[in-house]
């Protein structure tokens, strides 16, 4: 277990931002994680997963722990379902493909989302009608104070839209070391009603899709409109889709009859942030090397040498202009440091 000094985090964040870590260590064993946590208070540690849901605006004057715990195992199995535990350092998309290879259903709509398994419960990642809360049985986390391993049930994670207890009252108190998923082995509850998936399947004349068919469709959709972080630095969707009350929705619908929306409840409606940003004129906008992607306005990108502060400034400009035009606040989905 070697601690390195003054390490660039450019290879470790999907925005490709060149900020330095004062100290950097890769952790592959749970005992090593316990040792480093025991020797340091939580405010001296910075936990790094896949680096996909963060915007780094300055050097990290802490010990950056690159969590690289690996392993996938079946804990329990019946004719109908299986409990699968994946360690925090497993790449999320590779885990999804592993599930599909074994015909374990539930995560296929979440294909090609960047990042690692350990951060998925924190953010309650979601796409195309599915969220982690729909498939997660529980997760195991290291208590940074007692060094005990605590298992949190789905309910205890207090999931919300891109929210969990780990982003709020338990922030910086636990390190998620593994996640356990309850997946189907037969009679998969396929989610194909999302327009883009439905259209993709119809285009291929697939009327009875498998979980692989859905995964393939999601991958094709994402690749067609989202930039590959290996080619253009980005962190996927930068903003959350705002949820507005019925009165606000009716006001906007009256002004913009073709505005897309999703009904959340009798009183709330979700408006696509990408549509709000694009309608505000920011699609393809560029500020130096910081920009809004030309195909998907929800994605902010680093065209090469942007600094985190420039991307943050761009995001704040977008938030301000969207509010001025629509009277709707959009919040960052990405964690800003």
C-alpha atoms as a PDB file:
ATOM      1  CA  UNK A   1       0.000   0.000   0.000  1.00  0.00           C
ATOM      2  CA  UNK A   2       1.909   3.022  -1.299  1.00  0.00           C
ATOM      3  CA  UNK A   3       0.869   6.646  -0.875  1.00  0.00           C
ATOM      4  CA  UNK A   4       2.027   8.878  -3.728  1.00  0.00           C
ATOM      5  CA  UNK A   5       2.450  12.658  -3.559  1.00  0.00           C
ATOM      6  CA  UNK A   6       1.285  15.323  -6.035  1.00  0.00           C
ATOM      7  CA  UNK A   7      -0.549  13.059  -8.449  1.00  0.00           C
ATOM      8  CA  UNK A   8      -2.555  14.437 -11.374  1.00  0.00           C
ATOM      9  CA  UNK A   9      -6.175  13.267 -11.290  1.00  0.00           C
ATOM     10  CA  UNK A  10      -6.638  13.832 -15.023  1.00  0.00           C
ATOM     11  CA  UNK A  11      -6.758  10.076 -15.783  1.00  0.00           C
ATOM     12  CA  UNK A  12      -9.157   9.501 -12.890  1.00  0.00           C
ATOM     13  CA  UNK A  13     -12.057  11.832 -13.728  1.00  0.00           C
ATOM     14  CA  UNK A  14     -14.185  11.587 -16.864  1.00  0.00           C
ATOM     15  CA  UNK A  15     -14.084  15.355 -17.450  1.00  0.00           C
ATOM     16  CA  UNK A  16     -10.327  14.922 -17.924  1.00  0.00           C
ATOM     17  CA  UNK A  17      -9.559  17.846 -15.630  1.00  0.00           C
ATOM     18  CA  UNK A  18      -5.912  18.275 -14.680  1.00  0.00           C
ATOM     19  CA  UNK A  19      -6.068  18.870 -10.931  1.00  0.00           C
ATOM     20  CA  UNK A  20      -3.585  17.517  -8.402  1.00  0.00           C
ATOM     21  CA  UNK A  21      -4.076  15.297  -5.387  1.00  0.00           C
ATOM     22  CA  UNK A  22      -1.721  16.144  -2.540  1.00  0.00           C
ATOM     23  CA  UNK A  23      -1.656  12.430  -1.685  1.00  0.00           C
ATOM     24  CA  UNK A  24      -2.995   9.520  -3.737  1.00  0.00           C
ATOM     25  CA  UNK A  25      -3.462   5.837  -2.987  1.00  0.00           C
ATOM     26  CA  UNK A  26      -5.182   2.964  -4.773  1.00  0.00           C
ATOM     27  CA  UNK A  27      -7.012   0.583  -2.451  1.00  0.00           C
ATOM     28  CA  UNK A  28      -7.624  -2.999  -3.591  1.00  0.00           C
ATOM     29  CA  UNK A  29      -8.160  -4.692  -0.209  1.00  0.00           C
ATOM     30  CA  UNK A  30     -10.710  -3.941   2.495  1.00  0.00           C
ATOM     31  CA  UNK A  31      -8.111  -4.231   5.266  1.00  0.00           C
ATOM     32  CA  UNK A  32      -5.985  -1.570   3.566  1.00  0.00           C
ATOM     33  CA  UNK A  33      -9.035   0.699   3.409  1.00  0.00           C
ATOM     34  CA  UNK A  34      -9.650   0.198   7.127  1.00  0.00           C
ATOM     35  CA  UNK A  35      -6.009   0.954   7.866  1.00  0.00           C
ATOM     36  CA  UNK A  36      -5.940   4.238   5.951  1.00  0.00           C
ATOM     37  CA  UNK A  37      -9.286   5.338   7.420  1.00  0.00           C
ATOM     38  CA  UNK A  38      -8.166   4.435  10.943  1.00  0.00           C
ATOM     39  CA  UNK A  39      -5.034   6.554  10.543  1.00  0.00           C
ATOM     40  CA  UNK A  40      -6.914   9.597   9.245  1.00  0.00           C
ATOM     41  CA  UNK A  41     -10.030  11.548  10.112  1.00  0.00           C
ATOM     42  CA  UNK A  42     -12.747  11.555   7.453  1.00  0.00           C
ATOM     43  CA  UNK A  43     -12.144  15.232   6.636  1.00  0.00           C
ATOM     44  CA  UNK A  44      -8.635  14.311   5.495  1.00  0.00           C
ATOM     45  CA  UNK A  45      -9.891  11.755   2.970  1.00  0.00           C
ATOM     46  CA  UNK A  46     -11.380  12.101  -0.509  1.00  0.00           C
ATOM     47  CA  UNK A  47     -13.017   8.951  -1.862  1.00  0.00           C
ATOM     48  CA  UNK A  48     -12.737   8.478  -5.617  1.00  0.00           C
ATOM     49  CA  UNK A  49     -14.722   5.861  -7.517  1.00  0.00           C
ATOM     50  CA  UNK A  50     -14.999   5.897 -11.290  1.00  0.00           C
ATOM     51  CA  UNK A  51     -14.641   9.691 -11.381  1.00  0.00           C
ATOM     52  CA  UNK A  52     -17.749   9.994 -13.529  1.00  0.00           C
ATOM     53  CA  UNK A  53     -20.073  12.128 -11.461  1.00  0.00           C
ATOM     54  CA  UNK A  54     -17.807  14.920 -10.333  1.00  0.00           C
ATOM     55  CA  UNK A  55     -16.498  18.292 -11.379  1.00  0.00           C
ATOM     56  CA  UNK A  56     -13.112  19.090  -9.870  1.00  0.00           C
ATOM     57  CA  UNK A  57     -12.560  22.847  -9.680  1.00  0.00           C
ATOM     58  CA  UNK A  58      -9.357  22.886  -7.611  1.00  0.00           C
ATOM     59  CA  UNK A  59      -6.503  20.740  -6.351  1.00  0.00           C
ATOM     60  CA  UNK A  60      -7.441  18.226  -3.651  1.00  0.00           C
ATOM     61  CA  UNK A  61      -5.454  18.977  -0.516  1.00  0.00           C
ATOM     62  CA  UNK A  62      -6.310  15.598   1.018  1.00  0.00           C
ATOM     63  CA  UNK A  63      -5.513  11.904   0.701  1.00  0.00           C
ATOM     64  CA  UNK A  64      -7.378  10.754  -2.410  1.00  0.00           C
ATOM     65  CA  UNK A  65      -8.406   7.118  -2.096  1.00  0.00           C
ATOM     66  CA  UNK A  66      -8.992   5.443  -5.455  1.00  0.00           C
ATOM     67  CA  UNK A  67     -11.352   2.657  -4.379  1.00  0.00           C
ATOM     68  CA  UNK A  68     -10.606  -0.404  -6.492  1.00  0.00           C
ATOM     69  CA  UNK A  69     -12.267  -3.286  -4.639  1.00  0.00           C
ATOM     70  CA  UNK A  70     -13.089  -6.021  -7.174  1.00  0.00           C
ATOM     71  CA  UNK A  71     -15.333  -9.075  -7.363  1.00  0.00           C
ATOM     72  CA  UNK A  72     -18.817 -10.300  -8.298  1.00  0.00           C
ATOM     73  CA  UNK A  73     -20.519 -13.167  -6.458  1.00  0.00           C
ATOM     74  CA  UNK A  74     -23.937 -14.835  -6.221  1.00  0.00           C
ATOM     75  CA  UNK A  75     -25.212 -14.812  -2.626  1.00  0.00           C
ATOM     76  CA  UNK A  76     -28.605 -16.460  -3.044  1.00  0.00           C
ATOM     77  CA  UNK A  77     -30.527 -18.027  -5.893  1.00  0.00           C
ATOM     78  CA  UNK A  78     -34.002 -19.422  -6.549  1.00  0.00           C
ATOM     79  CA  UNK A  79     -35.826 -20.366  -9.737  1.00  0.00           C
ATOM     80  CA  UNK A  80     -37.106 -16.789 -10.038  1.00  0.00           C
ATOM     81  CA  UNK A  81     -34.442 -14.435  -8.712  1.00  0.00           C
ATOM     82  CA  UNK A  82     -30.817 -14.082  -7.696  1.00  0.00           C
ATOM     83  CA  UNK A  83     -28.965 -11.885  -5.203  1.00  0.00           C
ATOM     84  CA  UNK A  84     -25.689 -10.670  -6.711  1.00  0.00           C
ATOM     85  CA  UNK A  85     -23.027  -8.767  -4.777  1.00  0.00           C
ATOM     86  CA  UNK A  86     -20.650  -6.525  -6.716  1.00  0.00           C
ATOM     87  CA  UNK A  87     -17.685  -4.829  -5.068  1.00  0.00           C
ATOM     88  CA  UNK A  88     -17.419  -1.040  -5.193  1.00  0.00           C
ATOM     89  CA  UNK A  89     -14.563  -0.884  -7.697  1.00  0.00           C
ATOM     90  CA  UNK A  90     -16.322  -2.898 -10.400  1.00  0.00           C
ATOM     91  CA  UNK A  91     -17.046  -0.883 -13.535  1.00  0.00           C
ATOM     92  CA  UNK A  92     -20.809  -0.355 -13.719  1.00  0.00           C
ATOM     93  CA  UNK A  93     -21.306  -1.061 -17.430  1.00  0.00           C
ATOM     94  CA  UNK A  94     -19.108  -4.166 -17.266  1.00  0.00           C
ATOM     95  CA  UNK A  95     -21.277  -5.370 -14.368  1.00  0.00           C
ATOM     96  CA  UNK A  96     -24.433  -4.777 -16.425  1.00  0.00           C
ATOM     97  CA  UNK A  97     -22.974  -6.820 -19.289  1.00  0.00           C
ATOM     98  CA  UNK A  98     -22.073  -9.596 -16.827  1.00  0.00           C
ATOM     99  CA  UNK A  99     -25.690  -9.679 -15.623  1.00  0.00           C
ATOM    100  CA  UNK A 100     -27.022  -9.853 -19.171  1.00  0.00           C
ATOM    101  CA  UNK A 101     -24.580 -12.657 -20.024  1.00  0.00           C
ATOM    102  CA  UNK A 102     -26.033 -14.638 -17.114  1.00  0.00           C
ATOM    103  CA  UNK A 103     -29.639 -13.680 -18.049  1.00  0.00           C
ATOM    104  CA  UNK A 104     -30.129 -11.728 -14.814  1.00  0.00           C
ATOM    105  CA  UNK A 105     -32.716  -9.025 -15.511  1.00  0.00           C
ATOM    106  CA  UNK A 106     -33.277  -5.589 -14.006  1.00  0.00           C
ATOM    107  CA  UNK A 107     -30.255  -3.458 -14.890  1.00  0.00           C
ATOM    108  CA  UNK A 108     -30.383  -3.613 -18.712  1.00  0.00           C
ATOM    109  CA  UNK A 109     -31.895  -0.100 -19.010  1.00  0.00           C
ATOM    110  CA  UNK A 110     -28.883   1.239 -17.113  1.00  0.00           C
ATOM    111  CA  UNK A 111     -26.361   0.115 -19.733  1.00  0.00           C
ATOM    112  CA  UNK A 112     -23.405   2.348 -20.613  1.00  0.00           C
ATOM    113  CA  UNK A 113     -23.758   4.668 -17.616  1.00  0.00           C
ATOM    114  CA  UNK A 114     -20.190   5.652 -16.686  1.00  0.00           C
ATOM    115  CA  UNK A 115     -18.778   5.036 -13.225  1.00  0.00           C
ATOM    116  CA  UNK A 116     -18.303   2.234 -10.723  1.00  0.00           C
ATOM    117  CA  UNK A 117     -20.748   0.097  -8.753  1.00  0.00           C
ATOM    118  CA  UNK A 118     -19.894   1.703  -5.402  1.00  0.00           C
ATOM    119  CA  UNK A 119     -21.224   5.129  -6.326  1.00  0.00           C
ATOM    120  CA  UNK A 120     -24.523   3.942  -7.832  1.00  0.00           C
ATOM    121  CA  UNK A 121     -26.486   3.926  -4.541  1.00  0.00           C
ATOM    122  CA  UNK A 122     -25.124   7.339  -3.550  1.00  0.00           C
ATOM    123  CA  UNK A 123     -26.542   8.967  -6.647  1.00  0.00           C
ATOM    124  CA  UNK A 124     -29.454   6.559  -7.204  1.00  0.00           C
ATOM    125  CA  UNK A 125     -28.431   6.508 -10.850  1.00  0.00           C
ATOM    126  CA  UNK A 126     -31.196   6.089 -13.379  1.00  0.00           C
ATOM    127  CA  UNK A 127     -32.030   6.054 -17.069  1.00  0.00           C
ATOM    128  CA  UNK A 128     -34.855   5.052 -19.398  1.00  0.00           C
ATOM    129  CA  UNK A 129     -37.413   4.387 -16.668  1.00  0.00           C
ATOM    130  CA  UNK A 130     -35.200   2.484 -14.195  1.00  0.00           C
ATOM    131  CA  UNK A 131     -33.304   3.615 -11.096  1.00  0.00           C
ATOM    132  CA  UNK A 132     -30.943   1.801  -8.747  1.00  0.00           C
ATOM    133  CA  UNK A 133     -33.658   1.786  -6.083  1.00  0.00           C
ATOM    134  CA  UNK A 134     -35.704  -0.527  -8.334  1.00  0.00           C
ATOM    135  CA  UNK A 135     -33.063  -3.278  -8.337  1.00  0.00           C
ATOM    136  CA  UNK A 136     -30.909  -2.768  -5.245  1.00  0.00           C
ATOM    137  CA  UNK A 137     -31.462  -5.136  -2.334  1.00  0.00           C
ATOM    138  CA  UNK A 138     -28.913  -3.570   0.020  1.00  0.00           C
ATOM    139  CA  UNK A 139     -25.401  -2.182   0.213  1.00  0.00           C
ATOM    140  CA  UNK A 140     -22.497  -2.655   2.586  1.00  0.00           C
ATOM    141  CA  UNK A 141     -20.527   0.319   3.862  1.00  0.00           C
ATOM    142  CA  UNK A 142     -17.558   0.981   6.110  1.00  0.00           C
ATOM    143  CA  UNK A 143     -18.357   3.173   9.104  1.00  0.00           C
ATOM    144  CA  UNK A 144     -15.500   5.671   9.005  1.00  0.00           C
ATOM    145  CA  UNK A 145     -15.678   6.194  12.754  1.00  0.00           C
ATOM    146  CA  UNK A 146     -16.016   2.640  14.113  1.00  0.00           C
ATOM    147  CA  UNK A 147     -14.514   0.768  11.122  1.00  0.00           C
ATOM    148  CA  UNK A 148     -17.462  -1.644  11.280  1.00  0.00           C
ATOM    149  CA  UNK A 149     -19.177  -2.928   8.137  1.00  0.00           C
ATOM    150  CA  UNK A 150     -22.841  -1.884   8.130  1.00  0.00           C
ATOM    151  CA  UNK A 151     -25.459  -3.231   5.724  1.00  0.00           C
ATOM    152  CA  UNK A 152     -28.103  -0.732   4.605  1.00  0.00           C
ATOM    153  CA  UNK A 153     -31.424  -1.983   3.269  1.00  0.00           C
ATOM    154  CA  UNK A 154     -33.047  -0.363   0.261  1.00  0.00           C
ATOM    155  CA  UNK A 155     -35.426   1.560   2.532  1.00  0.00           C
ATOM    156  CA  UNK A 156     -32.607   2.768   4.798  1.00  0.00           C
ATOM    157  CA  UNK A 157     -30.880   4.359   1.792  1.00  0.00           C
ATOM    158  CA  UNK A 158     -33.789   6.842   1.577  1.00  0.00           C
ATOM    159  CA  UNK A 159     -33.665   7.011  -2.198  1.00  0.00           C
ATOM    160  CA  UNK A 160     -35.053   9.997  -4.061  1.00  0.00           C
ATOM    161  CA  UNK A 161     -34.518  11.442  -7.521  1.00  0.00           C
ATOM    162  CA  UNK A 162     -30.693  11.290  -7.803  1.00  0.00           C
ATOM    163  CA  UNK A 163     -30.646  11.362  -4.015  1.00  0.00           C
ATOM    164  CA  UNK A 164     -29.853   9.042  -1.112  1.00  0.00           C
ATOM    165  CA  UNK A 165     -29.027   9.217   2.562  1.00  0.00           C
ATOM    166  CA  UNK A 166     -25.340   9.063   1.551  1.00  0.00           C
ATOM    167  CA  UNK A 167     -25.582  12.465  -0.144  1.00  0.00           C
ATOM    168  CA  UNK A 168     -27.242  13.998   2.888  1.00  0.00           C
ATOM    169  CA  UNK A 169     -27.067  13.118   6.592  1.00  0.00           C
ATOM    170  CA  UNK A 170     -24.597  10.245   6.106  1.00  0.00           C
ATOM    171  CA  UNK A 171     -22.311  12.124   3.720  1.00  0.00           C
ATOM    172  CA  UNK A 172     -18.625  11.556   4.545  1.00  0.00           C
ATOM    173  CA  UNK A 173     -19.571   9.086   7.304  1.00  0.00           C
ATOM    174  CA  UNK A 174     -19.593   5.846   5.324  1.00  0.00           C
ATOM    175  CA  UNK A 175     -17.691   4.366   2.388  1.00  0.00           C
ATOM    176  CA  UNK A 176     -19.752   1.978   0.289  1.00  0.00           C
ATOM    177  CA  UNK A 177     -17.705  -1.178  -0.295  1.00  0.00           C
ATOM    178  CA  UNK A 178     -20.242  -3.329  -2.163  1.00  0.00           C
ATOM    179  CA  UNK A 179     -23.800  -3.354  -3.470  1.00  0.00           C
ATOM    180  CA  UNK A 180     -26.243  -6.274  -3.554  1.00  0.00           C
ATOM    181  CA  UNK A 181     -28.819  -6.475  -6.336  1.00  0.00           C
ATOM    182  CA  UNK A 182     -31.998  -8.565  -6.549  1.00  0.00           C
ATOM    183  CA  UNK A 183     -32.322  -9.554 -10.190  1.00  0.00           C
ATOM    184  CA  UNK A 184     -34.796 -11.740 -12.063  1.00  0.00           C
ATOM    185  CA  UNK A 185     -33.933 -15.057 -13.706  1.00  0.00           C
ATOM    186  CA  UNK A 186     -37.184 -15.436 -15.638  1.00  0.00           C
ATOM    187  CA  UNK A 187     -40.333 -13.449 -16.363  1.00  0.00           C
ATOM    188  CA  UNK A 188     -38.224 -10.295 -16.559  1.00  0.00           C
ATOM    189  CA  UNK A 189     -40.183  -7.082 -15.927  1.00  0.00           C
ATOM    190  CA  UNK A 190     -39.033  -5.330 -19.095  1.00  0.00           C
ATOM    191  CA  UNK A 191     -39.240  -1.541 -19.279  1.00  0.00           C
ATOM    192  CA  UNK A 192     -39.718  -0.736 -22.957  1.00  0.00           C
ATOM    193  CA  UNK A 193     -42.238   2.109 -22.808  1.00  0.00           C
ATOM    194  CA  UNK A 194     -39.602   4.825 -22.861  1.00  0.00           C
ATOM    195  CA  UNK A 195     -40.011   6.376 -26.290  1.00  0.00           C
ATOM    196  CA  UNK A 196     -36.450   6.069 -27.518  1.00  0.00           C
ATOM    197  CA  UNK A 197     -36.193   2.378 -26.584  1.00  0.00           C
ATOM    198  CA  UNK A 198     -39.580   1.590 -28.088  1.00  0.00           C
ATOM    199  CA  UNK A 199     -38.615   3.299 -31.340  1.00  0.00           C
ATOM    200  CA  UNK A 200     -35.261   1.535 -31.488  1.00  0.00           C
ATOM    201  CA  UNK A 201     -36.886  -1.886 -31.045  1.00  0.00           C
ATOM    202  CA  UNK A 202     -39.570  -1.126 -33.625  1.00  0.00           C
ATOM    203  CA  UNK A 203     -36.892  -0.065 -36.095  1.00  0.00           C
ATOM    204  CA  UNK A 204     -35.335  -3.521 -35.728  1.00  0.00           C
ATOM    205  CA  UNK A 205     -38.739  -5.262 -35.868  1.00  0.00           C
ATOM    206  CA  UNK A 206     -38.201  -6.713 -32.399  1.00  0.00           C
ATOM    207  CA  UNK A 207     -41.640  -7.411 -30.879  1.00  0.00           C
ATOM    208  CA  UNK A 208     -40.587  -9.712 -28.021  1.00  0.00           C
ATOM    209  CA  UNK A 209     -37.320  -8.234 -26.760  1.00  0.00           C
ATOM    210  CA  UNK A 210     -34.851  -9.960 -24.469  1.00  0.00           C
ATOM    211  CA  UNK A 211     -32.896  -8.101 -21.800  1.00  0.00           C
ATOM    212  CA  UNK A 212     -29.964  -8.085 -24.236  1.00  0.00           C
ATOM    213  CA  UNK A 213     -32.155  -6.481 -26.916  1.00  0.00           C
ATOM    214  CA  UNK A 214     -33.028  -3.687 -24.490  1.00  0.00           C
ATOM    215  CA  UNK A 215     -29.409  -3.252 -23.423  1.00  0.00           C
ATOM    216  CA  UNK A 216     -28.302  -3.102 -27.054  1.00  0.00           C
ATOM    217  CA  UNK A 217     -30.990  -0.507 -27.800  1.00  0.00           C
ATOM    218  CA  UNK A 218     -29.940   1.648 -24.836  1.00  0.00           C
ATOM    219  CA  UNK A 219     -26.276   1.423 -25.849  1.00  0.00           C
ATOM    220  CA  UNK A 220     -27.091   2.482 -29.409  1.00  0.00           C
ATOM    221  CA  UNK A 221     -29.240   5.392 -28.209  1.00  0.00           C
ATOM    222  CA  UNK A 222     -26.600   6.624 -25.773  1.00  0.00           C
ATOM    223  CA  UNK A 223     -23.771   6.284 -28.276  1.00  0.00           C
ATOM    224  CA  UNK A 224     -25.759   8.216 -30.878  1.00  0.00           C
ATOM    225  CA  UNK A 225     -26.278  11.296 -28.715  1.00  0.00           C
ATOM    226  CA  UNK A 226     -23.820  11.204 -25.807  1.00  0.00           C
ATOM    227  CA  UNK A 227     -20.086  11.847 -26.165  1.00  0.00           C
ATOM    228  CA  UNK A 228     -17.606   9.146 -25.172  1.00  0.00           C
ATOM    229  CA  UNK A 229     -15.595  10.462 -22.170  1.00  0.00           C
ATOM    230  CA  UNK A 230     -12.487   8.861 -23.697  1.00  0.00           C
ATOM    231  CA  UNK A 231     -12.878  11.175 -26.694  1.00  0.00           C
ATOM    232  CA  UNK A 232     -14.447  14.310 -25.167  1.00  0.00           C
ATOM    233  CA  UNK A 233     -14.256  14.942 -21.439  1.00  0.00           C
ATOM    234  CA  UNK A 234     -17.702  14.898 -19.818  1.00  0.00           C
ATOM    235  CA  UNK A 235     -19.640  13.529 -16.899  1.00  0.00           C
ATOM    236  CA  UNK A 236     -22.837  12.483 -18.637  1.00  0.00           C
ATOM    237  CA  UNK A 237     -25.953  14.373 -17.611  1.00  0.00           C
ATOM    238  CA  UNK A 238     -24.811  17.470 -15.744  1.00  0.00           C
ATOM    239  CA  UNK A 239     -28.229  18.647 -14.523  1.00  0.00           C
ATOM    240  CA  UNK A 240     -31.228  16.991 -12.914  1.00  0.00           C
ATOM    241  CA  UNK A 241     -34.561  17.171 -14.687  1.00  0.00           C
ATOM    242  CA  UNK A 242     -36.588  19.673 -12.625  1.00  0.00           C
ATOM    243  CA  UNK A 243     -39.884  18.609 -11.073  1.00  0.00           C
ATOM    244  CA  UNK A 244     -42.422  21.445 -11.040  1.00  0.00           C
ATOM    245  CA  UNK A 245     -45.892  21.899  -9.586  1.00  0.00           C
ATOM    246  CA  UNK A 246     -48.998  21.676 -11.746  1.00  0.00           C
ATOM    247  CA  UNK A 247     -49.497  25.438 -11.950  1.00  0.00           C
ATOM    248  CA  UNK A 248     -45.951  26.004 -13.223  1.00  0.00           C
ATOM    249  CA  UNK A 249     -46.349  23.177 -15.719  1.00  0.00           C
ATOM    250  CA  UNK A 250     -49.627  24.569 -17.100  1.00  0.00           C
ATOM    251  CA  UNK A 251     -48.036  28.005 -17.444  1.00  0.00           C
ATOM    252  CA  UNK A 252     -45.115  26.561 -19.408  1.00  0.00           C
ATOM    253  CA  UNK A 253     -47.315  24.302 -21.515  1.00  0.00           C
ATOM    254  CA  UNK A 254     -49.463  27.247 -22.490  1.00  0.00           C
ATOM    255  CA  UNK A 255     -46.360  29.134 -23.654  1.00  0.00           C
ATOM    256  CA  UNK A 256     -44.662  26.071 -25.202  1.00  0.00           C
ATOM    257  CA  UNK A 257     -47.336  23.591 -26.379  1.00  0.00           C
ATOM    258  CA  UNK A 258     -44.735  21.155 -27.746  1.00  0.00           C
ATOM    259  CA  UNK A 259     -42.719  21.021 -24.512  1.00  0.00           C
ATOM    260  CA  UNK A 260     -41.991  17.400 -23.514  1.00  0.00           C
ATOM    261  CA  UNK A 261     -42.929  16.323 -19.986  1.00  0.00           C
ATOM    262  CA  UNK A 262     -43.379  13.323 -17.712  1.00  0.00           C
ATOM    263  CA  UNK A 263     -46.151  13.096 -15.126  1.00  0.00           C
ATOM    264  CA  UNK A 264     -44.775  12.355 -11.655  1.00  0.00           C
ATOM    265  CA  UNK A 265     -48.038  12.592  -9.706  1.00  0.00           C
ATOM    266  CA  UNK A 266     -51.347  14.433  -9.771  1.00  0.00           C
ATOM    267  CA  UNK A 267     -49.543  17.515  -8.511  1.00  0.00           C
ATOM    268  CA  UNK A 268     -46.046  17.269 -10.029  1.00  0.00           C
ATOM    269  CA  UNK A 269     -44.559  17.097 -13.515  1.00  0.00           C
ATOM    270  CA  UNK A 270     -40.968  16.490 -14.614  1.00  0.00           C
ATOM    271  CA  UNK A 271     -39.594  18.726 -17.391  1.00  0.00           C
ATOM    272  CA  UNK A 272     -36.490  17.576 -19.330  1.00  0.00           C
ATOM    273  CA  UNK A 273     -33.600  19.865 -18.385  1.00  0.00           C
ATOM    274  CA  UNK A 274     -32.052  19.223 -21.789  1.00  0.00           C
ATOM    275  CA  UNK A 275     -35.082  20.757 -23.498  1.00  0.00           C
ATOM    276  CA  UNK A 276     -34.977  23.809 -21.209  1.00  0.00           C
ATOM    277  CA  UNK A 277     -31.265  24.310 -21.915  1.00  0.00           C
ATOM    278  CA  UNK A 278     -31.620  23.795 -25.662  1.00  0.00           C
ATOM    279  CA  UNK A 279     -34.613  26.141 -25.864  1.00  0.00           C
ATOM    280  CA  UNK A 280     -32.530  28.722 -24.000  1.00  0.00           C
ATOM    281  CA  UNK A 281     -30.064  28.604 -26.893  1.00  0.00           C
ATOM    282  CA  UNK A 282     -27.175  26.767 -25.244  1.00  0.00           C
ATOM    283  CA  UNK A 283     -27.002  23.593 -27.321  1.00  0.00           C
ATOM    284  CA  UNK A 284     -23.531  23.568 -28.897  1.00  0.00           C
ATOM    285  CA  UNK A 285     -22.531  26.724 -26.972  1.00  0.00           C
ATOM    286  CA  UNK A 286     -18.844  27.026 -26.184  1.00  0.00           C
ATOM    287  CA  UNK A 287     -16.875  29.105 -23.709  1.00  0.00           C
ATOM    288  CA  UNK A 288     -13.221  28.454 -24.504  1.00  0.00           C
ATOM    289  CA  UNK A 289     -12.719  24.721 -24.083  1.00  0.00           C
ATOM    290  CA  UNK A 290     -15.813  24.420 -21.851  1.00  0.00           C
ATOM    291  CA  UNK A 291     -18.994  23.785 -23.773  1.00  0.00           C
ATOM    292  CA  UNK A 292     -22.466  22.304 -24.122  1.00  0.00           C
ATOM    293  CA  UNK A 293     -22.520  19.209 -26.289  1.00  0.00           C
ATOM    294  CA  UNK A 294     -23.823  19.753 -29.813  1.00  0.00           C
ATOM    295  CA  UNK A 295     -26.129  16.717 -29.741  1.00  0.00           C
ATOM    296  CA  UNK A 296     -27.300  16.712 -26.113  1.00  0.00           C
ATOM    297  CA  UNK A 297     -27.727  19.979 -24.239  1.00  0.00           C
ATOM    298  CA  UNK A 298     -27.826  18.168 -20.896  1.00  0.00           C
ATOM    299  CA  UNK A 299     -24.141  17.311 -21.227  1.00  0.00           C
ATOM    300  CA  UNK A 300     -21.349  19.786 -20.495  1.00  0.00           C
ATOM    301  CA  UNK A 301     -17.998  18.943 -22.058  1.00  0.00           C
ATOM    302  CA  UNK A 302     -14.289  19.650 -21.859  1.00  0.00           C
ATOM    303  CA  UNK A 303     -12.960  20.082 -25.383  1.00  0.00           C
ATOM    304  CA  UNK A 304      -9.392  19.729 -24.220  1.00  0.00           C
ATOM    305  CA  UNK A 305      -7.909  22.229 -21.810  1.00  0.00           C
ATOM    306  CA  UNK A 306     -10.905  23.556 -19.887  1.00  0.00           C
ATOM    307  CA  UNK A 307     -10.510  24.123 -16.160  1.00  0.00           C
ATOM    308  CA  UNK A 308     -13.118  22.963 -13.694  1.00  0.00           C
ATOM    309  CA  UNK A 309     -13.855  26.549 -12.757  1.00  0.00           C
ATOM    310  CA  UNK A 310     -14.717  27.380 -16.364  1.00  0.00           C
ATOM    311  CA  UNK A 311     -17.186  24.486 -16.584  1.00  0.00           C
ATOM    312  CA  UNK A 312     -18.693  25.542 -13.256  1.00  0.00           C
ATOM    313  CA  UNK A 313     -19.071  29.107 -14.510  1.00  0.00           C
ATOM    314  CA  UNK A 314     -20.761  27.833 -17.666  1.00  0.00           C
ATOM    315  CA  UNK A 315     -23.163  25.708 -15.616  1.00  0.00           C
ATOM    316  CA  UNK A 316     -24.086  28.710 -13.466  1.00  0.00           C
ATOM    317  CA  UNK A 317     -24.692  30.828 -16.571  1.00  0.00           C
ATOM    318  CA  UNK A 318     -27.027  28.146 -17.924  1.00  0.00           C
ATOM    319  CA  UNK A 319     -28.885  27.887 -14.620  1.00  0.00           C
ATOM    320  CA  UNK A 320     -29.364  31.661 -14.505  1.00  0.00           C
ATOM    321  CA  UNK A 321     -30.598  31.965 -18.087  1.00  0.00           C
ATOM    322  CA  UNK A 322     -32.969  28.992 -17.797  1.00  0.00           C
ATOM    323  CA  UNK A 323     -34.485  30.546 -14.691  1.00  0.00           C
ATOM    324  CA  UNK A 324     -34.785  33.959 -16.351  1.00  0.00           C
ATOM    325  CA  UNK A 325     -36.577  32.469 -19.347  1.00  0.00           C
ATOM    326  CA  UNK A 326     -38.773  29.816 -17.715  1.00  0.00           C
ATOM    327  CA  UNK A 327     -38.874  30.639 -13.998  1.00  0.00           C
ATOM    328  CA  UNK A 328     -37.598  27.105 -13.317  1.00  0.00           C
ATOM    329  CA  UNK A 329     -34.475  26.226 -11.314  1.00  0.00           C
ATOM    330  CA  UNK A 330     -32.281  23.393 -12.573  1.00  0.00           C
ATOM    331  CA  UNK A 331     -29.864  21.788 -10.162  1.00  0.00           C
ATOM    332  CA  UNK A 332     -26.546  20.120 -10.877  1.00  0.00           C
ATOM    333  CA  UNK A 333     -26.610  16.328 -10.793  1.00  0.00           C
ATOM    334  CA  UNK A 334     -22.812  16.268 -10.775  1.00  0.00           C
ATOM    335  CA  UNK A 335     -20.984  16.713  -7.467  1.00  0.00           C
ATOM    336  CA  UNK A 336     -18.870  19.859  -7.571  1.00  0.00           C
ATOM    337  CA  UNK A 337     -15.644  20.031  -5.556  1.00  0.00           C
END
